[in-house]
Amino acid sequence: LDVRPDGRWEVAARGGTDVGEGTGGDRRMRLVDVDPVRDRAWLLGVAPDATVVEPDELRETLRGALARVIDAHTVRTAGPA
């Protein structure tokens, strides 16, 4: 994960270790044994402060989940009456 300063404590509390510099001033942190199903809610919750870098499958799974959350909260209006 690339993690912003505000999210580092949360990732560290889950066992994340700092493995170096990420992008844009973030820190690259590694989590071992992340399960895309079991940990999905936690990963979505930390999403504002962390970006999944790899594996690609996990990153794409979370992108799809975030798209569904956005879609579910998008207000749709009826067309012209």
Protein backbone atom coordinates (compact mmCIF):
# COMPACT_ATOMS: atom_id res chain seq x y z
CA LEU A 1 0.00 0.00 0.00
CA ASP A 2 1.04 3.59 -0.53
CA VAL A 3 -0.11 5.26 2.67
CA ARG A 4 -0.55 8.94 3.52
CA PRO A 5 0.71 10.15 6.90
CA ASP A 6 -2.79 10.15 8.45
CA GLY A 7 -3.30 6.47 7.66
CA ARG A 8 0.05 5.04 8.70
CA TRP A 9 -0.99 4.26 12.28
CA GLU A 10 -4.05 2.35 11.06
CA VAL A 11 -2.07 0.23 8.61
CA ALA A 12 0.65 -0.34 11.23
CA ALA A 13 -2.02 -1.46 13.73
CA ARG A 14 -3.01 -4.17 11.21
CA GLY A 15 0.58 -5.39 11.05
CA GLY A 16 1.75 -3.22 8.18
CA THR A 17 5.47 -2.58 7.95
CA ASP A 18 7.14 0.42 6.34
CA VAL A 19 9.20 -0.74 3.37
CA GLY A 20 10.27 2.58 1.92
CA GLU A 21 9.19 5.61 -0.01
CA GLY A 22 5.93 5.49 -1.92
CA THR A 23 4.59 7.99 -4.42
CA GLY A 24 3.96 11.67 -3.73
CA GLY A 25 5.43 11.66 -0.23
CA ASP A 26 3.47 8.60 0.88
CA ARG A 27 5.15 5.65 2.55
CA ARG A 28 5.06 2.19 1.02
CA MET A 29 3.75 -0.29 3.57
CA ARG A 30 3.41 -4.05 3.27
CA LEU A 31 0.67 -6.17 4.77
CA VAL A 32 1.04 -9.92 4.87
CA ASP A 33 -1.94 -12.26 4.47
CA VAL A 34 -4.48 -9.76 3.16
CA ASP A 35 -7.64 -11.54 2.10
CA PRO A 36 -9.69 -9.68 -0.53
CA VAL A 37 -12.97 -10.89 0.97
CA ARG A 38 -12.21 -10.87 4.68
CA ASP A 39 -10.35 -7.53 4.60
CA ARG A 40 -12.42 -5.72 1.94
CA ALA A 41 -14.40 -3.55 4.38
CA TRP A 42 -11.25 -2.52 6.22
CA LEU A 43 -9.42 -1.72 2.98
CA LEU A 44 -12.36 0.35 1.75
CA GLY A 45 -12.41 2.19 5.08
CA VAL A 46 -8.73 3.06 4.88
CA ALA A 47 -9.00 3.93 1.15
CA PRO A 48 -8.92 7.71 1.64
CA ASP A 49 -5.43 7.35 3.15
CA ALA A 50 -4.09 4.26 1.37
CA THR A 51 -3.80 3.05 -2.20
CA VAL A 52 -3.33 -0.60 -3.08
CA VAL A 53 -0.23 -0.84 -5.25
CA GLU A 54 -0.20 -4.61 -5.66
CA PRO A 55 -1.31 -7.25 -6.23
CA ASP A 56 -3.23 -6.06 -9.29
CA GLU A 57 -6.15 -8.42 -8.59
CA LEU A 58 -6.72 -6.88 -5.16
CA ARG A 59 -6.46 -3.34 -6.53
CA GLU A 60 -9.03 -4.11 -9.25
CA THR A 61 -11.36 -5.85 -6.77
CA LEU A 62 -11.33 -2.74 -4.57
CA ARG A 63 -11.86 -0.41 -7.52
CA GLY A 64 -14.94 -2.40 -8.45
CA ALA A 65 -16.22 -2.30 -4.87
CA LEU A 66 -15.68 1.47 -4.65
CA ALA A 67 -17.50 1.94 -7.97
CA ARG A 68 -20.47 -0.01 -6.58
CA VAL A 69 -20.49 2.12 -3.42
CA ILE A 70 -20.45 5.32 -5.49
CA ASP A 71 -23.20 3.99 -7.74
CA ALA A 72 -25.35 3.03 -4.76
CA HIS A 73 -25.06 6.56 -3.36
CA THR A 74 -25.60 8.46 -6.58
CA VAL A 75 -28.87 10.34 -6.65
CA ARG A 76 -30.74 9.67 -9.83
CA THR A 77 -33.45 11.99 -11.03
CA ALA A 78 -36.26 11.10 -13.32
CA GLY A 79 -36.22 12.54 -16.79
CA PRO A 80 -38.47 15.41 -17.85
CA ALA A 81 -42.11 14.95 -16.89
